[in-house]
Amino acid sequence: MSGRHSIPRAGSRAQGALMGLHRVGGRADLHAWMNSCKWSETISEFHKVIIDRLQFLRMVEFNGDAYVLTRAGLQHIDVDADAPMPVAPVVVGPRIFVSSRTLAAKHMIRMPLMREGAHDYASYPSRMGDAVKPHLAGESLTAGERVNSGSKA
């Protein structure tokens, strides 16, 4: 057998694709497989150059939703076919460091009540038993901002 369907040589793109498929766990969809072997050409080129050739040689088979490395493919890249497949690496995001200073009260955003009428609640007197008491929050307000709270009893 010569030409297009000959066994992939060491260092060839087909050999690299077999190694890439083995690195991601021996089973991957098309895009994950292309990313693992750093393929920079089109998908149709990948099918023509890599997939068709490896499927013809029965080193790779399509299993419904993913390409799977077969026993012949594992033997070609000198991997024990009975050994467990490597676990595909999981990409982890960057570590985030939050200093304890940001949790201090002086670093927090202060939300003052700026809306007109925000302190209107202080103009209503409270009752304590029969006695009418001014609202405690009204202590800091000026005299013109609250209603005189006299005894109505």
N, C-alpha and C. Protein backbone atom coordinates (compact mmCIF):
# COMPACT_ATOMS: atom_id res chain seq x y z
N MET A 1 0.85 -1.17 0.00
CA MET A 1 0.00 0.00 0.00
C MET A 1 0.90 1.23 0.00
N SER A 2 0.73 2.10 -0.92
CA SER A 2 1.57 3.29 -0.97
C SER A 2 0.71 4.50 -1.21
N GLY A 3 1.29 5.67 -1.00
CA GLY A 3 0.59 6.91 -1.28
C GLY A 3 -0.26 7.36 -0.13
N ARG A 4 -1.49 7.74 -0.45
CA ARG A 4 -2.37 8.40 0.49
C ARG A 4 -2.75 7.54 1.69
N HIS A 5 -2.89 6.23 1.49
CA HIS A 5 -3.36 5.37 2.57
C HIS A 5 -2.25 4.51 3.17
N SER A 6 -1.03 4.94 3.08
CA SER A 6 0.05 4.19 3.73
C SER A 6 0.06 4.51 5.22
N ILE A 7 0.72 3.69 5.98
CA ILE A 7 0.77 3.85 7.44
C ILE A 7 1.48 5.16 7.75
N PRO A 8 0.95 5.96 8.68
CA PRO A 8 1.57 7.25 9.00
C PRO A 8 2.99 7.09 9.54
N ARG A 9 3.89 7.87 8.98
CA ARG A 9 5.29 7.85 9.45
C ARG A 9 5.41 8.65 10.73
N ALA A 10 6.49 8.41 11.45
CA ALA A 10 6.77 9.17 12.67
C ALA A 10 7.02 10.62 12.30
N GLY A 11 6.39 11.54 13.02
CA GLY A 11 6.56 12.97 12.76
C GLY A 11 5.59 13.54 11.74
N SER A 12 4.79 12.69 11.10
CA SER A 12 3.83 13.19 10.11
C SER A 12 2.62 13.82 10.81
N ARG A 13 1.80 14.52 10.03
CA ARG A 13 0.61 15.15 10.61
C ARG A 13 -0.40 14.11 11.08
N ALA A 14 -0.49 13.00 10.37
CA ALA A 14 -1.41 11.93 10.78
C ALA A 14 -0.94 11.31 12.11
N GLN A 15 0.36 11.13 12.25
CA GLN A 15 0.90 10.61 13.51
C GLN A 15 0.63 11.60 14.65
N GLY A 16 0.81 12.89 14.37
CA GLY A 16 0.52 13.92 15.37
C GLY A 16 -0.95 13.94 15.75
N ALA A 17 -1.83 13.69 14.78
CA ALA A 17 -3.27 13.65 15.06
C ALA A 17 -3.61 12.45 15.95
N LEU A 18 -2.96 11.31 15.71
CA LEU A 18 -3.18 10.15 16.58
C LEU A 18 -2.72 10.45 18.00
N MET A 19 -1.56 11.09 18.13
CA MET A 19 -1.05 11.45 19.45
C MET A 19 -1.97 12.46 20.13
N GLY A 20 -2.48 13.42 19.35
CA GLY A 20 -3.40 14.41 19.90
C GLY A 20 -4.69 13.78 20.40
N LEU A 21 -5.21 12.82 19.65
CA LEU A 21 -6.43 12.14 20.08
C LEU A 21 -6.16 11.32 21.34
N HIS A 22 -4.98 10.75 21.45
CA HIS A 22 -4.63 10.00 22.66
C HIS A 22 -4.49 10.93 23.86
N ARG A 23 -3.96 12.15 23.64
CA ARG A 23 -3.78 13.11 24.74
C ARG A 23 -5.10 13.54 25.36
N VAL A 24 -6.16 13.62 24.56
CA VAL A 24 -7.45 14.06 25.09
C VAL A 24 -8.30 12.89 25.58
N GLY A 25 -7.69 11.74 25.75
CA GLY A 25 -8.41 10.61 26.33
C GLY A 25 -8.83 9.55 25.34
N GLY A 26 -8.40 9.65 24.08
CA GLY A 26 -8.73 8.63 23.08
C GLY A 26 -10.12 8.77 22.50
N ARG A 27 -10.85 9.79 22.90
CA ARG A 27 -12.21 10.01 22.39
C ARG A 27 -12.47 11.51 22.40
N ALA A 28 -12.85 12.06 21.25
CA ALA A 28 -13.09 13.50 21.18
C ALA A 28 -13.96 13.82 19.97
N ASP A 29 -14.67 14.93 20.07
CA ASP A 29 -15.41 15.39 18.90
C ASP A 29 -14.41 16.05 17.93
N LEU A 30 -14.90 16.44 16.78
CA LEU A 30 -14.02 16.95 15.72
C LEU A 30 -13.22 18.16 16.17
N HIS A 31 -13.87 19.14 16.77
CA HIS A 31 -13.18 20.37 17.15
C HIS A 31 -12.17 20.15 18.27
N ALA A 32 -12.51 19.32 19.24
CA ALA A 32 -11.57 19.03 20.31
C ALA A 32 -10.34 18.30 19.76
N TRP A 33 -10.56 17.42 18.80
CA TRP A 33 -9.45 16.69 18.19
C TRP A 33 -8.56 17.64 17.39
N MET A 34 -9.19 18.52 16.63
CA MET A 34 -8.41 19.49 15.85
C MET A 34 -7.61 20.41 16.77
N ASN A 35 -8.18 20.83 17.89
CA ASN A 35 -7.47 21.69 18.83
C ASN A 35 -6.31 20.95 19.50
N SER A 36 -6.50 19.66 19.77
CA SER A 36 -5.44 18.91 20.46
C SER A 36 -4.21 18.73 19.60
N CYS A 37 -4.38 18.66 18.29
CA CYS A 37 -3.21 18.52 17.42
C CYS A 37 -2.85 19.85 16.75
N LYS A 38 -3.45 20.95 17.24
CA LYS A 38 -3.13 22.31 16.78
C LYS A 38 -3.26 22.46 15.26
N TRP A 39 -4.38 21.99 14.73
CA TRP A 39 -4.65 22.06 13.29
C TRP A 39 -5.03 23.48 12.92
N SER A 40 -4.35 24.06 11.93
CA SER A 40 -4.61 25.45 11.57
C SER A 40 -5.30 25.60 10.22
N GLU A 41 -5.53 24.50 9.52
CA GLU A 41 -6.19 24.58 8.22
C GLU A 41 -7.69 24.35 8.38
N THR A 42 -8.39 24.16 7.28
CA THR A 42 -9.84 24.04 7.32
C THR A 42 -10.28 22.66 7.80
N ILE A 43 -11.56 22.56 8.13
CA ILE A 43 -12.13 21.29 8.57
C ILE A 43 -12.12 20.28 7.42
N SER A 44 -12.41 20.74 6.21
CA SER A 44 -12.42 19.82 5.07
C SER A 44 -11.02 19.27 4.81
N GLU A 45 -9.99 20.07 5.01
CA GLU A 45 -8.62 19.57 4.88
C GLU A 45 -8.32 18.53 5.96
N PHE A 46 -8.80 18.75 7.16
CA PHE A 46 -8.59 17.79 8.25
C PHE A 46 -9.26 16.46 7.91
N HIS A 47 -10.47 16.55 7.34
CA HIS A 47 -11.16 15.31 6.92
C HIS A 47 -10.38 14.60 5.83
N LYS A 48 -9.94 15.35 4.83
CA LYS A 48 -9.26 14.76 3.69
C LYS A 48 -7.90 14.17 4.07
N VAL A 49 -7.12 14.93 4.81
CA VAL A 49 -5.74 14.54 5.09
C VAL A 49 -5.64 13.57 6.27
N ILE A 50 -6.45 13.77 7.29
CA ILE A 50 -6.28 12.99 8.52
C ILE A 50 -7.37 11.94 8.69
N ILE A 51 -8.61 12.37 8.79
CA ILE A 51 -9.69 11.46 9.19
C ILE A 51 -9.91 10.34 8.17
N ASP A 52 -10.02 10.70 6.89
CA ASP A 52 -10.27 9.66 5.88
C ASP A 52 -9.15 8.62 5.87
N ARG A 53 -7.93 9.09 5.98
CA ARG A 53 -6.78 8.18 5.97
C ARG A 53 -6.78 7.27 7.19
N LEU A 54 -6.99 7.84 8.37
CA LEU A 54 -6.95 7.03 9.59
C LEU A 54 -8.15 6.09 9.70
N GLN A 55 -9.29 6.49 9.16
CA GLN A 55 -10.45 5.59 9.16
C GLN A 55 -10.23 4.45 8.18
N PHE A 56 -9.60 4.73 7.04
CA PHE A 56 -9.31 3.67 6.08
C PHE A 56 -8.36 2.64 6.68
N LEU A 57 -7.39 3.11 7.46
CA LEU A 57 -6.43 2.22 8.10
C LEU A 57 -6.98 1.61 9.39
N ARG A 58 -8.19 1.96 9.75
CA ARG A 58 -8.89 1.47 10.94
C ARG A 58 -8.13 1.80 12.23
N MET A 59 -7.52 2.97 12.26
CA MET A 59 -6.85 3.45 13.47
C MET A 59 -7.77 4.35 14.27
N VAL A 60 -8.78 4.90 13.60
CA VAL A 60 -9.77 5.78 14.21
C VAL A 60 -11.13 5.38 13.67
N GLU A 61 -12.13 5.42 14.53
CA GLU A 61 -13.50 5.17 14.06
C GLU A 61 -14.43 6.23 14.65
N PHE A 62 -15.50 6.51 13.90
CA PHE A 62 -16.48 7.48 14.36
C PHE A 62 -17.57 6.73 15.09
N ASN A 63 -17.82 7.12 16.33
CA ASN A 63 -18.76 6.40 17.17
C ASN A 63 -19.95 7.31 17.52
N GLY A 64 -20.74 7.66 16.54
CA GLY A 64 -21.95 8.45 16.79
C GLY A 64 -21.71 9.93 16.96
N ASP A 65 -20.99 10.33 18.00
CA ASP A 65 -20.78 11.75 18.25
C ASP A 65 -19.32 12.11 18.43
N ALA A 66 -18.43 11.11 18.42
CA ALA A 66 -17.02 11.39 18.67
C ALA A 66 -16.14 10.42 17.90
N TYR A 67 -14.91 10.82 17.69
CA TYR A 67 -13.91 9.95 17.07
C TYR A 67 -13.18 9.21 18.19
N VAL A 68 -13.00 7.89 17.98
CA VAL A 68 -12.41 7.03 19.00
C VAL A 68 -11.16 6.38 18.43
N LEU A 69 -10.11 6.36 19.22
CA LEU A 69 -8.86 5.72 18.86
C LEU A 69 -9.02 4.22 19.02
N THR A 70 -8.74 3.46 17.98
CA THR A 70 -8.91 2.01 18.03
C THR A 70 -7.64 1.34 18.54
N ARG A 71 -7.74 0.03 18.67
CA ARG A 71 -6.60 -0.77 19.14
C ARG A 71 -5.43 -0.64 18.17
N ALA A 72 -5.70 -0.65 16.87
CA ALA A 72 -4.64 -0.52 15.87
C ALA A 72 -3.97 0.85 15.96
N GLY A 73 -4.74 1.88 16.24
CA GLY A 73 -4.18 3.22 16.39
C GLY A 73 -3.30 3.32 17.62
N LEU A 74 -3.72 2.68 18.70
CA LEU A 74 -2.92 2.67 19.92
C LEU A 74 -1.61 1.92 19.70
N GLN A 75 -1.66 0.80 19.01
CA GLN A 75 -0.45 0.04 18.74
C GLN A 75 0.50 0.82 17.84
N HIS A 76 -0.05 1.58 16.91
CA HIS A 76 0.80 2.35 16.00
C HIS A 76 1.59 3.45 16.73
N ILE A 77 1.01 4.03 17.77
CA ILE A 77 1.73 5.08 18.51
C ILE A 77 2.43 4.51 19.74
N ASP A 78 2.61 3.18 19.76
CA ASP A 78 3.35 2.48 20.81
C ASP A 78 2.77 2.69 22.21
N VAL A 79 1.46 2.57 22.30
CA VAL A 79 0.78 2.65 23.59
C VAL A 79 0.14 1.30 23.85
N ASP A 80 0.28 0.82 25.06
CA ASP A 80 -0.33 -0.45 25.43
C ASP A 80 -1.84 -0.32 25.29
N ALA A 81 -2.44 -1.17 24.47
CA ALA A 81 -3.87 -1.08 24.20
C ALA A 81 -4.71 -1.44 25.42
N ASP A 82 -4.14 -2.20 26.34
CA ASP A 82 -4.88 -2.61 27.54
C ASP A 82 -4.74 -1.61 28.68
N ALA A 83 -3.83 -0.65 28.54
CA ALA A 83 -3.63 0.36 29.58
C ALA A 83 -4.81 1.33 29.57
N PRO A 84 -5.16 1.85 30.75
CA PRO A 84 -6.27 2.82 30.78
C PRO A 84 -5.88 4.10 30.04
N MET A 85 -6.87 4.72 29.41
CA MET A 85 -6.64 5.95 28.67
C MET A 85 -6.36 7.09 29.65
N PRO A 86 -5.55 8.05 29.24
CA PRO A 86 -5.31 9.19 30.14
C PRO A 86 -6.57 10.02 30.28
N VAL A 87 -6.70 10.64 31.42
CA VAL A 87 -7.85 11.49 31.68
C VAL A 87 -7.62 12.81 30.95
N ALA A 88 -8.62 13.26 30.25
CA ALA A 88 -8.50 14.53 29.53
C ALA A 88 -8.30 15.67 30.52
N PRO A 89 -7.37 16.57 30.23
CA PRO A 89 -7.12 17.67 31.17
C PRO A 89 -8.29 18.62 31.23
N VAL A 90 -8.53 19.15 32.42
CA VAL A 90 -9.60 20.11 32.63
C VAL A 90 -8.98 21.49 32.72
N VAL A 91 -9.46 22.39 31.92
CA VAL A 91 -8.93 23.74 31.93
C VAL A 91 -9.48 24.48 33.14
N VAL A 92 -8.60 25.04 33.93
CA VAL A 92 -8.98 25.74 35.14
C VAL A 92 -8.73 27.22 34.93
N GLY A 93 -9.62 28.04 35.43
CA GLY A 93 -9.48 29.49 35.28
C GLY A 93 -8.36 30.04 36.14
N PRO A 94 -8.06 31.30 35.98
CA PRO A 94 -6.98 31.90 36.77
C PRO A 94 -7.36 32.01 38.23
N ARG A 95 -6.35 31.99 39.09
CA ARG A 95 -6.59 32.17 40.51
C ARG A 95 -6.89 33.63 40.78
N ILE A 96 -7.82 33.87 41.65
CA ILE A 96 -8.21 35.23 41.98
C ILE A 96 -7.82 35.49 43.42
N PHE A 97 -7.04 36.53 43.63
CA PHE A 97 -6.62 36.89 44.97
C PHE A 97 -7.40 38.12 45.40
N VAL A 98 -8.10 38.00 46.49
CA VAL A 98 -8.85 39.12 47.04
C VAL A 98 -8.20 39.48 48.37
N SER A 99 -7.67 40.66 48.45
CA SER A 99 -7.03 41.05 49.70
C SER A 99 -8.09 41.33 50.75
N SER A 100 -7.72 41.18 52.00
CA SER A 100 -8.69 41.37 53.09
C SER A 100 -9.03 42.85 53.26
N ARG A 101 -8.19 43.74 52.72
CA ARG A 101 -8.48 45.16 52.82
C ARG A 101 -9.80 45.53 52.15
N THR A 102 -10.12 44.87 51.06
CA THR A 102 -11.33 45.23 50.34
C THR A 102 -12.59 44.90 51.11
N LEU A 103 -12.48 44.05 52.13
CA LEU A 103 -13.66 43.70 52.91
C LEU A 103 -13.87 44.63 54.10
N ALA A 104 -12.93 45.54 54.34
CA ALA A 104 -13.08 46.49 55.44
C ALA A 104 -14.19 47.48 55.12
N ALA A 105 -14.86 47.99 56.14
CA ALA A 105 -16.00 48.89 55.95
C ALA A 105 -15.59 50.18 55.26
N LYS A 106 -14.37 50.65 55.47
CA LYS A 106 -13.97 51.92 54.88
C LYS A 106 -13.80 51.81 53.36
N HIS A 107 -13.67 50.59 52.82
CA HIS A 107 -13.53 50.41 51.38
C HIS A 107 -14.86 50.14 50.68
N MET A 108 -15.91 49.97 51.43
CA MET A 108 -17.20 49.66 50.84
C MET A 108 -17.88 50.93 50.32
N ILE A 109 -18.71 50.78 49.33
CA ILE A 109 -19.41 51.91 48.74
C ILE A 109 -20.51 52.36 49.70
N ARG A 110 -20.54 53.63 49.96
CA ARG A 110 -21.57 54.19 50.84
C ARG A 110 -22.74 54.66 49.98
N MET A 111 -23.92 54.27 50.38
CA MET A 111 -25.11 54.63 49.61
C MET A 111 -25.99 55.55 50.45
N PRO A 112 -25.70 56.84 50.43
CA PRO A 112 -26.54 57.75 51.22
C PRO A 112 -27.92 57.89 50.59
N LEU A 113 -28.91 58.19 51.44
CA LEU A 113 -30.26 58.40 50.93
C LEU A 113 -30.35 59.82 50.38
N MET A 114 -30.33 59.95 49.10
CA MET A 114 -30.31 61.26 48.46
C MET A 114 -31.68 61.64 47.90
N ARG A 115 -32.62 60.74 47.92
CA ARG A 115 -33.91 60.98 47.31
C ARG A 115 -34.74 61.93 48.18
N GLU A 116 -35.48 62.80 47.51
CA GLU A 116 -36.34 63.73 48.25
C GLU A 116 -37.42 62.95 48.98
N GLY A 117 -37.60 63.25 50.22
CA GLY A 117 -38.61 62.57 51.03
C GLY A 117 -38.12 61.30 51.67
N ALA A 118 -36.82 61.06 51.64
CA ALA A 118 -36.29 59.84 52.21
C ALA A 118 -36.42 59.80 53.72
N HIS A 119 -36.44 60.97 54.37
CA HIS A 119 -36.54 61.01 55.83
C HIS A 119 -37.94 61.38 56.30
N ASP A 120 -38.93 61.23 55.46
CA ASP A 120 -40.30 61.55 55.85
C ASP A 120 -40.82 60.66 56.97
N TYR A 121 -40.28 59.47 57.09
CA TYR A 121 -40.73 58.57 58.15
C TYR A 121 -40.48 59.19 59.53
N ALA A 122 -39.52 60.09 59.63
CA ALA A 122 -39.18 60.68 60.94
C ALA A 122 -40.22 61.70 61.38
N SER A 123 -41.09 62.15 60.48
CA SER A 123 -42.09 63.15 60.86
C SER A 123 -43.32 62.51 61.50
N TYR A 124 -43.44 61.19 61.47
CA TYR A 124 -44.57 60.52 62.09
C TYR A 124 -44.18 60.09 63.50
N PRO A 125 -44.94 60.50 64.50
CA PRO A 125 -44.58 60.13 65.87
C PRO A 125 -44.88 58.66 66.16
N SER A 126 -44.16 58.10 67.07
CA SER A 126 -44.38 56.72 67.50
C SER A 126 -45.18 56.72 68.79
N ARG A 127 -45.84 55.62 69.08
CA ARG A 127 -46.59 55.50 70.33
C ARG A 127 -45.92 54.46 71.20
N MET A 128 -45.82 54.81 72.45
CA MET A 128 -45.32 53.87 73.43
C MET A 128 -46.35 53.83 74.55
N GLY A 129 -47.21 52.83 74.45
CA GLY A 129 -48.36 52.80 75.36
C GLY A 129 -49.31 53.92 74.97
N ASP A 130 -49.66 54.82 75.94
CA ASP A 130 -50.52 55.96 75.65
C ASP A 130 -49.72 57.18 75.26
N ALA A 131 -48.42 57.16 75.47
CA ALA A 131 -47.60 58.35 75.21
C ALA A 131 -47.14 58.38 73.77
N VAL A 132 -47.16 59.56 73.17
CA VAL A 132 -46.68 59.75 71.80
C VAL A 132 -45.23 60.21 71.89
N LYS A 133 -44.34 59.49 71.22
CA LYS A 133 -42.92 59.79 71.26
C LYS A 133 -42.45 60.19 69.86
N PRO A 134 -41.51 61.12 69.77
CA PRO A 134 -40.95 61.43 68.45
C PRO A 134 -40.09 60.26 67.97
N HIS A 135 -39.98 60.13 66.67
CA HIS A 135 -39.18 59.06 66.09
C HIS A 135 -37.72 59.28 66.44
N LEU A 136 -37.01 58.24 66.83
CA LEU A 136 -35.63 58.37 67.26
C LEU A 136 -34.72 58.84 66.14
N ALA A 137 -35.02 58.48 64.91
CA ALA A 137 -34.19 58.92 63.79
C ALA A 137 -34.37 60.40 63.55
N GLY A 138 -35.44 60.97 64.05
CA GLY A 138 -35.70 62.39 63.85
C GLY A 138 -34.83 63.27 64.73
N GLU A 139 -34.09 62.69 65.66
CA GLU A 139 -33.24 63.47 66.55
C GLU A 139 -32.18 64.24 65.76
N SER A 140 -31.69 63.67 64.66
CA SER A 140 -30.62 64.33 63.91
C SER A 140 -31.16 65.32 62.88
N LEU A 141 -32.46 65.35 62.68
CA LEU A 141 -33.03 66.26 61.70
C LEU A 141 -33.25 67.64 62.31
N THR A 142 -33.32 68.63 61.48
CA THR A 142 -33.58 69.98 61.98
C THR A 142 -35.04 70.13 62.33
N ALA A 143 -35.36 71.16 63.09
CA ALA A 143 -36.72 71.33 63.61
C ALA A 143 -37.73 71.55 62.50
N GLY A 144 -37.35 72.15 61.39
CA GLY A 144 -38.31 72.42 60.32
C GLY A 144 -38.65 71.20 59.51
N GLU A 145 -37.93 70.09 59.67
CA GLU A 145 -38.15 68.92 58.84
C GLU A 145 -39.14 67.94 59.44
N ARG A 146 -39.49 68.10 60.70
CA ARG A 146 -40.46 67.15 61.25
C ARG A 146 -41.61 67.89 61.92
N VAL A 147 -42.68 67.20 62.02
CA VAL A 147 -43.89 67.77 62.62
C VAL A 147 -43.72 67.75 64.13
N ASN A 148 -44.22 68.78 64.78
CA ASN A 148 -44.18 68.83 66.24
C ASN A 148 -45.02 67.69 66.77
N SER A 149 -44.42 66.81 67.56
CA SER A 149 -45.15 65.64 68.04
C SER A 149 -45.60 65.90 69.47
N GLY A 150 -46.75 66.45 69.61
CA GLY A 150 -47.31 66.70 70.94
C GLY A 150 -48.14 65.53 71.39
N SER A 151 -48.54 65.51 72.63
CA SER A 151 -49.35 64.43 73.19
C SER A 151 -50.79 64.61 72.74
N LYS A 152 -51.37 63.51 72.21
CA LYS A 152 -52.75 63.59 71.76
C LYS A 152 -53.67 62.86 72.74
N ALA A 153 -53.18 62.41 73.82
CA ALA A 153 -53.99 61.63 74.76
C ALA A 153 -54.89 62.41 75.58
